[in-house]
Protein backbone atom coordinates (compact mmCIF):
# COMPACT_ATOMS: atom_id res chain seq x y z
CA HIS A 1 0.00 0.00 0.00
CA PHE A 2 1.50 3.30 -1.06
CA GLY A 3 -0.09 6.49 0.19
CA ASN A 4 0.27 9.92 -1.24
CA GLY A 5 2.05 11.54 1.67
CA GLY A 6 -0.87 13.61 2.90
CA ASN A 7 -1.71 15.46 -0.30
CA SER A 8 -5.10 17.14 -0.28
CA ASN A 9 -6.96 14.14 -1.65
CA PRO A 10 -9.70 13.34 0.86
CA ASP A 11 -10.21 9.78 -0.41
CA ASN A 12 -6.47 9.06 -0.25
CA LYS A 13 -6.80 7.01 -3.44
CA LEU A 14 -3.72 8.39 -5.17
CA GLN A 15 -1.39 5.41 -5.13
CA PHE A 16 1.79 4.56 -6.99
CA ASN A 17 3.56 1.30 -7.67
CA SER A 18 6.94 2.95 -8.06
CA LEU A 19 8.85 6.19 -7.68
CA GLN A 20 8.82 6.41 -11.49
CA ASP A 21 4.99 6.30 -11.51
CA ALA A 22 4.79 9.11 -8.96
CA LEU A 23 7.30 11.21 -10.91
CA GLU A 24 5.47 10.67 -14.20
CA GLN A 25 2.18 11.79 -12.65
CA GLY A 26 3.95 14.89 -11.29
CA LYS A 27 5.46 15.62 -14.75
CA VAL A 28 8.97 15.08 -13.37
CA PRO A 29 11.47 13.40 -15.74
CA VAL A 30 11.83 9.78 -14.61
CA SER A 31 15.31 9.76 -16.13
CA LEU A 32 16.45 11.50 -12.92
CA VAL A 33 16.30 8.36 -10.79
CA PRO A 34 18.00 4.96 -10.84
CA THR A 35 16.25 2.03 -12.47
CA TRP A 36 18.49 -0.45 -10.60
CA ILE A 37 17.99 -1.07 -6.88
CA PRO A 38 20.25 -3.51 -4.98
CA ASP A 39 18.90 -7.06 -4.58
CA GLY A 40 16.60 -7.69 -1.65
CA TYR A 41 15.17 -4.16 -1.39
CA GLU A 42 11.42 -3.69 -1.64
CA LEU A 43 9.52 -0.43 -1.93
CA LYS A 44 7.74 0.06 1.40
CA ASP A 45 6.46 3.63 1.27
CA LEU A 46 6.29 6.55 -1.12
CA THR A 47 5.47 10.04 0.06
CA ILE A 48 4.94 13.30 -1.76
CA ALA A 49 5.22 16.52 0.22
CA GLU A 50 4.81 19.99 -1.21
CA ASN A 51 5.48 23.51 -0.01
CA PRO A 52 5.70 26.79 -1.96
CA MET A 53 9.43 26.30 -2.59
CA GLN A 54 9.62 22.66 -3.62
CA LYS A 55 7.88 19.34 -4.06
CA ASN A 56 9.56 16.26 -2.59
CA TYR A 57 9.08 12.71 -3.80
CA VAL A 58 10.54 10.20 -1.34
CA ALA A 59 10.68 6.44 -1.90
CA TYR A 60 11.55 4.23 1.07
CA TYR A 61 12.90 0.76 0.35
CA HIS A 62 13.79 -1.91 2.90
CA ASN A 63 15.91 -5.04 2.82
CA GLY A 64 14.87 -6.64 6.11
CA GLU A 65 15.69 -3.90 8.62
CA THR A 66 18.05 -2.06 6.26
CA PRO A 67 16.50 1.11 4.79
CA LEU A 68 17.30 2.78 1.47
CA ARG A 69 15.84 6.16 0.60
CA ILE A 70 15.62 7.92 -2.76
CA CYS A 71 14.45 11.52 -2.70
CA VAL A 72 13.72 13.82 -5.65
CA GLN A 73 13.28 17.47 -4.77
CA SER A 74 11.60 19.53 -7.46
CA PHE A 75 12.41 23.18 -6.88
CA ILE A 76 9.56 25.48 -7.86
CA LEU A 77 10.81 29.06 -7.47
CA ALA A 78 14.58 28.78 -7.84
CA ASP A 79 17.00 26.10 -8.95
CA PRO A 80 18.79 24.19 -6.18
CA GLU A 81 22.12 25.46 -4.96
CA LYS A 82 25.23 23.56 -5.96
CA VAL A 83 26.16 20.55 -3.88
CA GLU A 84 28.21 21.55 -0.85
CA ILE A 85 31.48 19.63 -0.79
CA THR A 86 32.51 18.40 2.64
CA ASP A 87 35.35 16.28 4.00
CA ASP A 88 32.96 13.34 3.77
CA LEU A 89 33.19 13.30 -0.05
CA ILE A 90 34.37 9.85 -1.17
CA GLU A 91 34.16 10.25 -4.92
CA LEU A 92 32.79 12.41 -7.71
CA VAL A 93 31.33 10.47 -10.64
CA LYS A 94 30.62 12.36 -13.87
CA ARG A 95 28.18 10.78 -16.28
CA SER A 96 26.21 12.31 -19.17
CA GLY A 97 27.07 15.84 -18.05
CA VAL A 98 25.81 15.29 -14.49
CA GLU A 99 28.05 15.28 -11.41
CA TYR A 100 27.16 12.62 -8.82
CA TYR A 101 28.72 13.23 -5.41
CA ILE A 102 29.22 10.13 -3.25
CA PHE A 103 29.54 10.98 0.43
CA SER A 104 29.99 8.98 3.61
CA ASN A 105 27.40 10.13 6.13
CA ASN A 106 27.57 8.50 9.58
CA GLY A 107 28.74 5.22 8.07
CA LYS A 108 26.07 5.29 5.37
CA ILE A 109 26.50 6.15 1.71
CA GLN A 110 24.79 9.24 0.34
CA VAL A 111 24.73 10.18 -3.35
CA ILE A 112 23.63 13.70 -4.29
CA TRP A 113 23.18 15.17 -7.75
CA ILE A 114 21.49 18.16 -9.34
CA LYS A 115 19.94 18.25 -12.77
CA ASP A 116 18.04 21.30 -13.98
CA SER A 117 15.62 22.31 -11.20
CA TYR A 118 15.88 18.96 -9.39
CA GLN A 119 18.08 17.75 -6.56
CA CYS A 120 18.20 14.00 -6.02
CA ILE A 121 19.53 12.06 -3.05
CA ILE A 122 20.10 8.36 -2.46
CA SER A 123 20.94 7.40 1.09
CA GLY A 124 21.38 4.03 2.71
CA ASP A 125 23.65 1.26 3.86
CA LEU A 126 25.20 0.75 0.42
CA THR A 127 28.61 -0.22 -0.85
CA ILE A 128 30.42 2.19 -3.17
CA ASP A 129 29.92 -0.35 -5.98
CA GLU A 130 26.15 -0.48 -5.34
CA ALA A 131 26.01 3.33 -5.35
CA LYS A 132 27.86 3.40 -8.68
CA GLN A 133 25.55 0.74 -10.15
CA MET A 134 22.58 2.87 -9.15
CA ILE A 135 24.22 5.94 -10.73
CA ASN A 136 24.91 3.97 -13.93
CA SER A 137 21.25 2.92 -14.15
CA ILE A 138 19.98 6.51 -14.15
CA GLY A 139 18.48 7.45 -17.47
CA LYS A 140 18.27 3.85 -18.64
CA GLY A 141 14.84 2.32 -19.22
């Protein structure tokens, strides 16, 4: 069961089978997000939250107790700022003109990238190789 994150739909019937479905309905390019998810992860929840500045699509996956989160932030009034580089940067991957920043965040992997007026974030207990496989699947049907 996937809810709609509290959007103003009184019947709460707006449901999505995937992050891609939610993005398509919101007219967001699905080519922003990975098509490959590590083995064992299942989509458990998908929320959409909106404020005047941005609309957030968040997909929560779980492999047993291990969470994986993919967030797409659609900026409405102004494009997102550039990614802030910290000492936690592990690697910068450039692919198809997009810069993917792989960070270590409290022992978890976080990948952040910006494309047009969207900022996307993957965070979870991933290996660097899994993060790169997810990056390589972005934009592939």
